[in-house]
Amino acid sequence: MIRAVFFGAPGAGAFNTAGVAGLARAAQRLGVAVETVWAPDPAKRTEALRAAATGAALVIAHGGQGETPVAAVAPDFPATRFAVTQGRIAGPNIACFEVLQEHSAFLAGALAGWWSRGRPVAHLSGEPVPPGLRGRAAFAAGLARAAPGTPFLTGFCGNQHDPALAERWTEAQCSAGAVVQFAMLDGGRPGAMAALRRHGARAIGNVRDWTVEDPLFLASAVADNGWCIEAALAAHLADAFHDSRVGIEVPAAVRLVLARDVPVDLAERVEHLAADLAAGRIEVPEQYGGPDFAP
């Protein structure tokens, strides 16, 4: 038995949607059956992981929210393999599979800095889980590299899936002058977009290409986490269960997509920066040491 655990409700947000799509691709390509488990209650994540592990050969915990419950449950199921997508934990029966959102987030930060021309730039996410913290740090580093001194309004509102909460935080960021926001949200994204639209500000999306869906988006820091699920299943079936991660060097999985109205000169700057990143000439920091914003 193979089970995939998703933290949230079905249909809520791009991150889980990308994971479900990756699971469907992998199941068809590899010819395996995978049972899907939804764990919408943050307080019951460990309980959900423990139930999923019972009788399973492989449990895939999708997202950084899975790090803590997997670390708690895996030692009790030594014969079960645990895959954590976008994770960075270790154990004898644990492997982590990751697309480096940091790479596309770094490019997004640089674009935001060049485009904003000194006006404030915002970032908003939900829970401060490790992948989200690394993405924020990368975005901040890209912004600082491209436009040092640009005001940066960054915060974690506490919930990835609450549109009203995201709208309140975004309204505050826009009122403080933000002209573009890197929205690392899931189900709460529509609330952020509503506030950005009211203020005539732009959005930078993540996970998938949002620029084809709404002209509000200046760019999208694509990091297709469906790759992680495909990689986890393939590694389990090949009995080669170990950590694996890819970044901007695999543009099918990680890239920055630009809206059509991004000026050509900025697009060229992004292209050159992406080449330096892929070649290893830029080290992207994983920690942010600046101030946080709160409404």
C-alpha atoms as a PDB file:
ATOM      1  CA  MET A   1       0.000   0.000   0.000  1.00  0.00           C
ATOM      2  CA  ILE A   2       1.212   3.495  -0.918  1.00  0.00           C
ATOM      3  CA  ARG A   3      -0.480   6.563   0.545  1.00  0.00           C
ATOM      4  CA  ALA A   4      -0.030  10.276  -0.167  1.00  0.00           C
ATOM      5  CA  VAL A   5      -1.023  12.714   2.578  1.00  0.00           C
ATOM      6  CA  PHE A   6      -2.032  16.261   1.614  1.00  0.00           C
ATOM      7  CA  PHE A   7      -2.334  18.968   4.261  1.00  0.00           C
ATOM      8  CA  GLY A   8      -5.456  20.945   3.426  1.00  0.00           C
ATOM      9  CA  ALA A   9      -8.799  20.382   1.754  1.00  0.00           C
ATOM     10  CA  PRO A  10      -9.260  19.061  -1.796  1.00  0.00           C
ATOM     11  CA  GLY A  11      -9.155  21.857  -4.342  1.00  0.00           C
ATOM     12  CA  ALA A  12      -7.779  24.440  -1.900  1.00  0.00           C
ATOM     13  CA  GLY A  13      -4.787  26.131  -3.451  1.00  0.00           C
ATOM     14  CA  ALA A  14      -2.085  25.702  -6.061  1.00  0.00           C
ATOM     15  CA  PHE A  15       0.446  23.776  -3.965  1.00  0.00           C
ATOM     16  CA  ASN A  16      -1.773  20.775  -3.330  1.00  0.00           C
ATOM     17  CA  THR A  17      -3.244  20.996  -6.830  1.00  0.00           C
ATOM     18  CA  ALA A  18       0.256  20.667  -8.302  1.00  0.00           C
ATOM     19  CA  GLY A  19       0.946  17.728  -6.019  1.00  0.00           C
ATOM     20  CA  VAL A  20      -2.259  15.949  -7.008  1.00  0.00           C
ATOM     21  CA  ALA A  21      -1.401  16.483 -10.689  1.00  0.00           C
ATOM     22  CA  GLY A  22       2.087  15.084 -10.137  1.00  0.00           C
ATOM     23  CA  LEU A  23       0.617  12.085  -8.334  1.00  0.00           C
ATOM     24  CA  ALA A  24      -1.740  11.397 -11.235  1.00  0.00           C
ATOM     25  CA  ARG A  25       1.119  11.631 -13.758  1.00  0.00           C
ATOM     26  CA  ALA A  26       3.323   9.343 -11.729  1.00  0.00           C
ATOM     27  CA  ALA A  27       0.625   6.762 -11.034  1.00  0.00           C
ATOM     28  CA  GLN A  28      -0.135   6.497 -14.742  1.00  0.00           C
ATOM     29  CA  ARG A  29       3.496   6.460 -15.894  1.00  0.00           C
ATOM     30  CA  LEU A  30       4.701   4.017 -13.243  1.00  0.00           C
ATOM     31  CA  GLY A  31       1.576   1.889 -13.103  1.00  0.00           C
ATOM     32  CA  VAL A  32       1.026   2.139  -9.357  1.00  0.00           C
ATOM     33  CA  ALA A  33      -2.039   2.725  -7.226  1.00  0.00           C
ATOM     34  CA  VAL A  34      -1.784   5.414  -4.566  1.00  0.00           C
ATOM     35  CA  GLU A  35      -4.380   6.136  -1.898  1.00  0.00           C
ATOM     36  CA  THR A  36      -4.919   9.850  -1.252  1.00  0.00           C
ATOM     37  CA  VAL A  37      -5.388  11.081   2.328  1.00  0.00           C
ATOM     38  CA  TRP A  38      -6.496  14.633   3.157  1.00  0.00           C
ATOM     39  CA  ALA A  39      -5.508  16.164   6.499  1.00  0.00           C
ATOM     40  CA  PRO A  40      -7.120  19.617   6.726  1.00  0.00           C
ATOM     41  CA  ASP A  41      -6.775  20.089  10.510  1.00  0.00           C
ATOM     42  CA  PRO A  42      -3.300  21.330  11.529  1.00  0.00           C
ATOM     43  CA  ALA A  43      -3.857  19.990  15.045  1.00  0.00           C
ATOM     44  CA  LYS A  44      -4.333  16.446  13.748  1.00  0.00           C
ATOM     45  CA  ARG A  45      -1.444  16.120  11.291  1.00  0.00           C
ATOM     46  CA  THR A  46       0.507  13.626  13.385  1.00  0.00           C
ATOM     47  CA  GLU A  47      -2.635  11.565  13.917  1.00  0.00           C
ATOM     48  CA  ALA A  48      -3.316  11.558  10.170  1.00  0.00           C
ATOM     49  CA  LEU A  49       0.277  10.483   9.392  1.00  0.00           C
ATOM     50  CA  ARG A  50       0.114   7.685  11.933  1.00  0.00           C
ATOM     51  CA  ALA A  51      -3.112   6.354  10.429  1.00  0.00           C
ATOM     52  CA  ALA A  52      -1.671   6.604   6.907  1.00  0.00           C
ATOM     53  CA  ALA A  53       1.452   4.683   7.926  1.00  0.00           C
ATOM     54  CA  THR A  54      -0.501   1.717   9.240  1.00  0.00           C
ATOM     55  CA  GLY A  55      -0.073  -1.087   6.707  1.00  0.00           C
ATOM     56  CA  ALA A  56       1.728   1.150   4.197  1.00  0.00           C
ATOM     57  CA  ALA A  57       5.013   0.474   2.417  1.00  0.00           C
ATOM     58  CA  LEU A  58       5.399   4.149   1.494  1.00  0.00           C
ATOM     59  CA  VAL A  59       3.828   7.317   2.872  1.00  0.00           C
ATOM     60  CA  ILE A  60       4.325  10.587   0.990  1.00  0.00           C
ATOM     61  CA  ALA A  61       3.822  13.683   3.160  1.00  0.00           C
ATOM     62  CA  HIS A  62       3.261  16.551   0.756  1.00  0.00           C
ATOM     63  CA  GLY A  63       4.752  19.845   1.894  1.00  0.00           C
ATOM     64  CA  GLY A  64       6.879  21.306   4.645  1.00  0.00           C
ATOM     65  CA  GLN A  65       3.970  20.862   7.063  1.00  0.00           C
ATOM     66  CA  GLY A  66       4.846  17.173   6.967  1.00  0.00           C
ATOM     67  CA  GLU A  67       8.286  17.536   8.535  1.00  0.00           C
ATOM     68  CA  THR A  68       7.166  17.567  12.175  1.00  0.00           C
ATOM     69  CA  PRO A  69       4.582  14.750  11.993  1.00  0.00           C
ATOM     70  CA  VAL A  70       6.885  12.528   9.924  1.00  0.00           C
ATOM     71  CA  ALA A  71       9.733  13.055  12.395  1.00  0.00           C
ATOM     72  CA  ALA A  72       7.346  11.996  15.183  1.00  0.00           C
ATOM     73  CA  VAL A  73       5.800   8.988  13.426  1.00  0.00           C
ATOM     74  CA  ALA A  74       8.580   7.449  11.291  1.00  0.00           C
ATOM     75  CA  PRO A  75      10.549   5.872  14.175  1.00  0.00           C
ATOM     76  CA  ASP A  76       7.447   3.889  15.151  1.00  0.00           C
ATOM     77  CA  PHE A  77       7.147   2.376  11.642  1.00  0.00           C
ATOM     78  CA  PRO A  78      10.692   1.247  10.730  1.00  0.00           C
ATOM     79  CA  ALA A  79       9.435  -0.947   7.857  1.00  0.00           C
ATOM     80  CA  THR A  80       7.584   1.952   6.228  1.00  0.00           C
ATOM     81  CA  ARG A  81       9.295   4.489   4.014  1.00  0.00           C
ATOM     82  CA  PHE A  82       8.381   8.146   4.455  1.00  0.00           C
ATOM     83  CA  ALA A  83       8.887  10.702   1.694  1.00  0.00           C
ATOM     84  CA  VAL A  84       8.623  14.389   2.563  1.00  0.00           C
ATOM     85  CA  THR A  85       8.198  16.781  -0.339  1.00  0.00           C
ATOM     86  CA  GLN A  86       9.859  20.181   0.098  1.00  0.00           C
ATOM     87  CA  GLY A  87      11.414  18.775   3.263  1.00  0.00           C
ATOM     88  CA  ARG A  88      14.839  18.780   4.896  1.00  0.00           C
ATOM     89  CA  ILE A  89      14.661  16.138   7.634  1.00  0.00           C
ATOM     90  CA  ALA A  90      16.593  12.877   7.944  1.00  0.00           C
ATOM     91  CA  GLY A  91      16.037   9.383   9.261  1.00  0.00           C
ATOM     92  CA  PRO A  92      16.790   5.764   8.334  1.00  0.00           C
ATOM     93  CA  ASN A  93      13.390   5.398   6.637  1.00  0.00           C
ATOM     94  CA  ILE A  94      12.952   9.041   5.514  1.00  0.00           C
ATOM     95  CA  ALA A  95      13.873  10.690   2.219  1.00  0.00           C
ATOM     96  CA  CYS A  96      13.162  14.251   1.112  1.00  0.00           C
ATOM     97  CA  PHE A  97      12.312  15.340  -2.420  1.00  0.00           C
ATOM     98  CA  GLU A  98      12.488  19.020  -3.240  1.00  0.00           C
ATOM     99  CA  VAL A  99      12.146  21.531  -6.026  1.00  0.00           C
ATOM    100  CA  LEU A 100      14.182  24.578  -5.059  1.00  0.00           C
ATOM    101  CA  GLN A 101      11.558  27.289  -4.800  1.00  0.00           C
ATOM    102  CA  GLU A 102      14.455  29.418  -3.547  1.00  0.00           C
ATOM    103  CA  HIS A 103      15.856  29.685  -7.076  1.00  0.00           C
ATOM    104  CA  SER A 104      12.720  31.056  -8.702  1.00  0.00           C
ATOM    105  CA  ALA A 105      11.998  33.159  -5.590  1.00  0.00           C
ATOM    106  CA  PHE A 106      15.452  34.764  -5.836  1.00  0.00           C
ATOM    107  CA  LEU A 107      14.766  35.725  -9.456  1.00  0.00           C
ATOM    108  CA  ALA A 108      11.328  37.021  -8.441  1.00  0.00           C
ATOM    109  CA  GLY A 109      12.907  39.244  -5.801  1.00  0.00           C
ATOM    110  CA  ALA A 110      15.320  40.690  -8.326  1.00  0.00           C
ATOM    111  CA  LEU A 111      12.512  41.383 -10.802  1.00  0.00           C
ATOM    112  CA  ALA A 112      10.436  43.033  -8.068  1.00  0.00           C
ATOM    113  CA  GLY A 113      13.340  45.283  -7.172  1.00  0.00           C
ATOM    114  CA  TRP A 114      14.011  46.376 -10.737  1.00  0.00           C
ATOM    115  CA  TRP A 115      10.321  46.866 -11.507  1.00  0.00           C
ATOM    116  CA  SER A 116       9.390  48.749  -8.313  1.00  0.00           C
ATOM    117  CA  ARG A 117      12.084  51.436  -8.775  1.00  0.00           C
ATOM    118  CA  GLY A 118      12.526  52.061  -5.075  1.00  0.00           C
ATOM    119  CA  ARG A 119       8.875  51.713  -4.066  1.00  0.00           C
ATOM    120  CA  PRO A 120       8.055  49.171  -1.312  1.00  0.00           C
ATOM    121  CA  VAL A 121       7.916  45.474  -2.163  1.00  0.00           C
ATOM    122  CA  ALA A 122       5.907  42.969  -0.129  1.00  0.00           C
ATOM    123  CA  HIS A 123       5.962  39.261   0.640  1.00  0.00           C
ATOM    124  CA  LEU A 124       3.159  37.317   2.308  1.00  0.00           C
ATOM    125  CA  SER A 125       2.869  33.680   3.292  1.00  0.00           C
ATOM    126  CA  GLY A 126       0.861  31.636   5.782  1.00  0.00           C
ATOM    127  CA  GLU A 127       2.627  29.267   8.162  1.00  0.00           C
ATOM    128  CA  PRO A 128       6.354  29.908   8.729  1.00  0.00           C
ATOM    129  CA  VAL A 129       7.354  26.357   7.785  1.00  0.00           C
ATOM    130  CA  PRO A 130      10.983  25.807   6.665  1.00  0.00           C
ATOM    131  CA  PRO A 131      10.309  25.832   2.876  1.00  0.00           C
ATOM    132  CA  GLY A 132       8.353  29.074   3.224  1.00  0.00           C
ATOM    133  CA  LEU A 133      11.106  30.645   5.303  1.00  0.00           C
ATOM    134  CA  ARG A 134      13.714  29.665   2.719  1.00  0.00           C
ATOM    135  CA  GLY A 135      11.551  31.076  -0.078  1.00  0.00           C
ATOM    136  CA  ARG A 136      11.169  34.366   1.787  1.00  0.00           C
ATOM    137  CA  ALA A 137      14.927  34.558   2.411  1.00  0.00           C
ATOM    138  CA  ALA A 138      15.658  33.952  -1.270  1.00  0.00           C
ATOM    139  CA  PHE A 139      13.162  36.585  -2.416  1.00  0.00           C
ATOM    140  CA  ALA A 140      14.650  39.109   0.017  1.00  0.00           C
ATOM    141  CA  ALA A 141      18.158  38.320  -1.235  1.00  0.00           C
ATOM    142  CA  GLY A 142      17.149  38.790  -4.871  1.00  0.00           C
ATOM    143  CA  LEU A 143      15.501  42.090  -4.009  1.00  0.00           C
ATOM    144  CA  ALA A 144      18.590  43.298  -2.126  1.00  0.00           C
ATOM    145  CA  ARG A 145      20.892  42.277  -4.988  1.00  0.00           C
ATOM    146  CA  ALA A 146      18.845  44.067  -7.640  1.00  0.00           C
ATOM    147  CA  ALA A 147      17.732  47.150  -5.720  1.00  0.00           C
ATOM    148  CA  PRO A 148      19.558  47.667  -2.409  1.00  0.00           C
ATOM    149  CA  GLY A 149      17.624  49.756   0.067  1.00  0.00           C
ATOM    150  CA  THR A 150      14.172  48.983  -1.340  1.00  0.00           C
ATOM    151  CA  PRO A 151      11.649  48.877   1.555  1.00  0.00           C
ATOM    152  CA  PHE A 152      10.625  45.251   2.172  1.00  0.00           C
ATOM    153  CA  LEU A 153       7.351  44.394   3.928  1.00  0.00           C
ATOM    154  CA  THR A 154       7.340  40.699   4.778  1.00  0.00           C
ATOM    155  CA  GLY A 155       5.106  38.620   6.998  1.00  0.00           C
ATOM    156  CA  PHE A 156       3.485  35.258   7.723  1.00  0.00           C
ATOM    157  CA  CYS A 157      -0.202  35.682   8.451  1.00  0.00           C
ATOM    158  CA  GLY A 158      -0.517  32.220  10.059  1.00  0.00           C
ATOM    159  CA  ASN A 159      -2.784  30.410   7.602  1.00  0.00           C
ATOM    160  CA  GLN A 160      -2.209  29.446   3.962  1.00  0.00           C
ATOM    161  CA  HIS A 161      -5.909  28.964   3.247  1.00  0.00           C
ATOM    162  CA  ASP A 162      -7.769  31.939   4.773  1.00  0.00           C
ATOM    163  CA  PRO A 163      -8.747  34.511   2.093  1.00  0.00           C
ATOM    164  CA  ALA A 164     -10.085  37.064   4.604  1.00  0.00           C
ATOM    165  CA  LEU A 165      -6.884  36.942   6.640  1.00  0.00           C
ATOM    166  CA  ALA A 166      -4.702  37.263   3.535  1.00  0.00           C
ATOM    167  CA  GLU A 167      -6.804  40.185   2.322  1.00  0.00           C
ATOM    168  CA  ARG A 168      -6.409  42.017   5.648  1.00  0.00           C
ATOM    169  CA  TRP A 169      -2.631  41.603   5.643  1.00  0.00           C
ATOM    170  CA  THR A 170      -2.324  42.575   1.984  1.00  0.00           C
ATOM    171  CA  GLU A 171      -4.515  45.634   2.508  1.00  0.00           C
ATOM    172  CA  ALA A 172      -2.111  46.723   5.256  1.00  0.00           C
ATOM    173  CA  GLN A 173       0.937  46.133   3.076  1.00  0.00           C
ATOM    174  CA  CYS A 174      -0.560  48.115   0.196  1.00  0.00           C
ATOM    175  CA  SER A 175      -1.569  50.917   2.572  1.00  0.00           C
ATOM    176  CA  ALA A 176       2.081  51.004   3.632  1.00  0.00           C
ATOM    177  CA  GLY A 177       3.059  51.610   0.001  1.00  0.00           C
ATOM    178  CA  ALA A 178       3.686  48.155  -1.465  1.00  0.00           C
ATOM    179  CA  VAL A 179       3.325  48.108  -5.260  1.00  0.00           C
ATOM    180  CA  VAL A 180       4.031  44.403  -5.774  1.00  0.00           C
ATOM    181  CA  GLN A 181       3.577  41.373  -3.506  1.00  0.00           C
ATOM    182  CA  PHE A 182       5.173  37.939  -3.653  1.00  0.00           C
ATOM    183  CA  ALA A 183       2.189  35.867  -2.519  1.00  0.00           C
ATOM    184  CA  MET A 184       3.360  32.480  -1.229  1.00  0.00           C
ATOM    185  CA  LEU A 185      -0.194  31.479  -0.381  1.00  0.00           C
ATOM    186  CA  ASP A 186      -2.548  28.657  -1.239  1.00  0.00           C
ATOM    187  CA  GLY A 187      -6.290  28.845  -0.563  1.00  0.00           C
ATOM    188  CA  GLY A 188      -5.879  32.374   0.810  1.00  0.00           C
ATOM    189  CA  ARG A 189      -4.549  33.784  -2.487  1.00  0.00           C
ATOM    190  CA  PRO A 190      -7.915  35.197  -3.716  1.00  0.00           C
ATOM    191  CA  GLY A 191      -8.079  37.477  -0.680  1.00  0.00           C
ATOM    192  CA  ALA A 192      -4.604  38.874  -1.353  1.00  0.00           C
ATOM    193  CA  MET A 193      -5.486  39.433  -4.987  1.00  0.00           C
ATOM    194  CA  ALA A 194      -8.629  41.353  -4.075  1.00  0.00           C
ATOM    195  CA  ALA A 195      -6.625  43.824  -1.969  1.00  0.00           C
ATOM    196  CA  LEU A 196      -3.887  44.161  -4.590  1.00  0.00           C
ATOM    197  CA  ARG A 197      -6.503  44.891  -7.250  1.00  0.00           C
ATOM    198  CA  ARG A 198      -8.079  47.638  -5.152  1.00  0.00           C
ATOM    199  CA  HIS A 199      -4.721  49.374  -4.830  1.00  0.00           C
ATOM    200  CA  GLY A 200      -3.555  48.853  -8.408  1.00  0.00           C
ATOM    201  CA  ALA A 201      -0.629  46.741  -7.169  1.00  0.00           C
ATOM    202  CA  ARG A 202       0.802  43.672  -8.896  1.00  0.00           C
ATOM    203  CA  ALA A 203       1.294  40.114  -7.702  1.00  0.00           C
ATOM    204  CA  ILE A 204       4.053  37.574  -8.145  1.00  0.00           C
ATOM    205  CA  GLY A 205       2.713  34.064  -7.827  1.00  0.00           C
ATOM    206  CA  ASN A 206       4.405  30.799  -6.905  1.00  0.00           C
ATOM    207  CA  VAL A 207       4.195  27.057  -7.572  1.00  0.00           C
ATOM    208  CA  ARG A 208       2.565  27.344 -11.029  1.00  0.00           C
ATOM    209  CA  ASP A 209       2.273  29.887 -13.848  1.00  0.00           C
ATOM    210  CA  TRP A 210      -0.325  32.429 -12.731  1.00  0.00           C
ATOM    211  CA  THR A 211       0.467  34.932 -15.492  1.00  0.00           C
ATOM    212  CA  VAL A 212      -1.697  33.019 -17.965  1.00  0.00           C
ATOM    213  CA  GLU A 213      -4.694  33.272 -15.622  1.00  0.00           C
ATOM    214  CA  ASP A 214      -4.788  36.905 -14.549  1.00  0.00           C
ATOM    215  CA  PRO A 215      -3.041  40.095 -15.777  1.00  0.00           C
ATOM    216  CA  LEU A 216      -2.646  41.117 -12.126  1.00  0.00           C
ATOM    217  CA  PHE A 217       0.425  38.862 -12.031  1.00  0.00           C
ATOM    218  CA  LEU A 218       3.726  40.448 -12.991  1.00  0.00           C
ATOM    219  CA  ALA A 219       5.461  37.073 -12.816  1.00  0.00           C
ATOM    220  CA  SER A 220       5.268  33.649 -11.251  1.00  0.00           C
ATOM    221  CA  ALA A 221       8.038  31.825  -9.399  1.00  0.00           C
ATOM    222  CA  VAL A 222       7.251  28.350 -10.700  1.00  0.00           C
ATOM    223  CA  ALA A 223       8.326  25.409  -8.557  1.00  0.00           C
ATOM    224  CA  ASP A 224       6.311  22.380  -9.647  1.00  0.00           C
ATOM    225  CA  ASN A 225       6.155  20.264  -6.509  1.00  0.00           C
ATOM    226  CA  GLY A 226       4.463  17.513  -8.511  1.00  0.00           C
ATOM    227  CA  TRP A 227       8.009  16.600  -9.548  1.00  0.00           C
ATOM    228  CA  CYS A 228       8.682  15.673  -5.912  1.00  0.00           C
ATOM    229  CA  ILE A 229       5.881  13.133  -5.776  1.00  0.00           C
ATOM    230  CA  GLU A 230       6.921  11.601  -9.086  1.00  0.00           C
ATOM    231  CA  ALA A 231      10.520  11.368  -7.861  1.00  0.00           C
ATOM    232  CA  ALA A 232       9.486   9.827  -4.541  1.00  0.00           C
ATOM    233  CA  LEU A 233       7.423   7.111  -6.183  1.00  0.00           C
ATOM    234  CA  ALA A 234      10.147   6.330  -8.725  1.00  0.00           C
ATOM    235  CA  ALA A 235      12.794   6.120  -5.988  1.00  0.00           C
ATOM    236  CA  HIS A 236      10.638   3.770  -3.905  1.00  0.00           C
ATOM    237  CA  LEU A 237       9.892   1.457  -6.828  1.00  0.00           C
ATOM    238  CA  ALA A 238      13.557   1.379  -7.858  1.00  0.00           C
ATOM    239  CA  ASP A 239      14.632   0.664  -4.276  1.00  0.00           C
ATOM    240  CA  ALA A 240      16.870   3.762  -4.467  1.00  0.00           C
ATOM    241  CA  PHE A 241      15.212   5.705  -1.680  1.00  0.00           C
ATOM    242  CA  HIS A 242      17.343   8.758  -0.932  1.00  0.00           C
ATOM    243  CA  ASP A 243      17.073  12.547  -0.966  1.00  0.00           C
ATOM    244  CA  SER A 244      16.742  14.292  -4.309  1.00  0.00           C
ATOM    245  CA  ARG A 245      16.317  17.956  -5.264  1.00  0.00           C
ATOM    246  CA  VAL A 246      16.418  20.068  -8.417  1.00  0.00           C
ATOM    247  CA  GLY A 247      16.565  23.786  -9.097  1.00  0.00           C
ATOM    248  CA  ILE A 248      16.710  26.314 -11.911  1.00  0.00           C
ATOM    249  CA  GLU A 249      18.938  23.952 -13.933  1.00  0.00           C
ATOM    250  CA  VAL A 250      15.743  21.952 -14.613  1.00  0.00           C
ATOM    251  CA  PRO A 251      13.435  24.684 -15.978  1.00  0.00           C
ATOM    252  CA  ALA A 252      10.563  22.245 -16.448  1.00  0.00           C
ATOM    253  CA  ALA A 253      10.395  22.131 -12.644  1.00  0.00           C
ATOM    254  CA  VAL A 254      11.801  25.507 -11.509  1.00  0.00           C
ATOM    255  CA  ARG A 255      11.725  28.810 -13.410  1.00  0.00           C
ATOM    256  CA  LEU A 256      10.496  32.401 -13.277  1.00  0.00           C
ATOM    257  CA  VAL A 257       7.717  33.100 -15.769  1.00  0.00           C
ATOM    258  CA  LEU A 258       7.206  36.732 -16.769  1.00  0.00           C
ATOM    259  CA  ALA A 259       4.014  38.512 -17.791  1.00  0.00           C
ATOM    260  CA  ARG A 260       3.858  39.862 -21.331  1.00  0.00           C
ATOM    261  CA  ASP A 261       4.091  43.462 -20.142  1.00  0.00           C
ATOM    262  CA  VAL A 262       7.439  43.017 -18.373  1.00  0.00           C
ATOM    263  CA  PRO A 263       9.867  45.338 -20.213  1.00  0.00           C
ATOM    264  CA  VAL A 264      12.391  43.632 -22.467  1.00  0.00           C
ATOM    265  CA  ASP A 265      15.368  45.036 -20.583  1.00  0.00           C
ATOM    266  CA  LEU A 266      14.113  43.567 -17.301  1.00  0.00           C
ATOM    267  CA  ALA A 267      13.446  40.211 -18.967  1.00  0.00           C
ATOM    268  CA  GLU A 268      17.031  40.181 -20.233  1.00  0.00           C
ATOM    269  CA  ARG A 269      18.362  40.961 -16.753  1.00  0.00           C
ATOM    270  CA  VAL A 270      16.354  38.076 -15.330  1.00  0.00           C
ATOM    271  CA  GLU A 271      17.683  35.749 -18.040  1.00  0.00           C
ATOM    272  CA  HIS A 272      21.303  36.637 -17.257  1.00  0.00           C
ATOM    273  CA  LEU A 273      20.730  36.239 -13.526  1.00  0.00           C
ATOM    274  CA  ALA A 274      19.084  32.835 -14.088  1.00  0.00           C
ATOM    275  CA  ALA A 275      22.116  31.682 -16.090  1.00  0.00           C
ATOM    276  CA  ASP A 276      24.458  32.703 -13.260  1.00  0.00           C
ATOM    277  CA  LEU A 277      22.234  30.890 -10.767  1.00  0.00           C
ATOM    278  CA  ALA A 278      22.119  27.704 -12.842  1.00  0.00           C
ATOM    279  CA  ALA A 279      25.902  27.791 -13.240  1.00  0.00           C
ATOM    280  CA  GLY A 280      26.402  28.004  -9.483  1.00  0.00           C
ATOM    281  CA  ARG A 281      27.878  31.495  -9.559  1.00  0.00           C
ATOM    282  CA  ILE A 282      25.296  32.777  -7.039  1.00  0.00           C
ATOM    283  CA  GLU A 283      24.757  31.378  -3.560  1.00  0.00           C
ATOM    284  CA  VAL A 284      21.181  31.903  -2.395  1.00  0.00           C
ATOM    285  CA  PRO A 285      20.892  32.388   1.378  1.00  0.00           C
ATOM    286  CA  GLU A 286      18.383  30.316   3.318  1.00  0.00           C
ATOM    287  CA  GLN A 287      17.860  32.713   6.224  1.00  0.00           C
ATOM    288  CA  TYR A 288      16.393  36.200   6.440  1.00  0.00           C
ATOM    289  CA  GLY A 289      17.597  38.504   9.178  1.00  0.00           C
ATOM    290  CA  GLY A 290      15.525  41.604   8.549  1.00  0.00           C
ATOM    291  CA  PRO A 291      12.388  42.962  10.209  1.00  0.00           C
ATOM    292  CA  ASP A 292       8.925  41.414   9.898  1.00  0.00           C
ATOM    293  CA  PHE A 293       5.767  43.270   8.973  1.00  0.00           C
ATOM    294  CA  ALA A 294       2.410  42.906  10.735  1.00  0.00           C
ATOM    295  CA  PRO A 295      -0.861  44.829  10.241  1.00  0.00           C
END
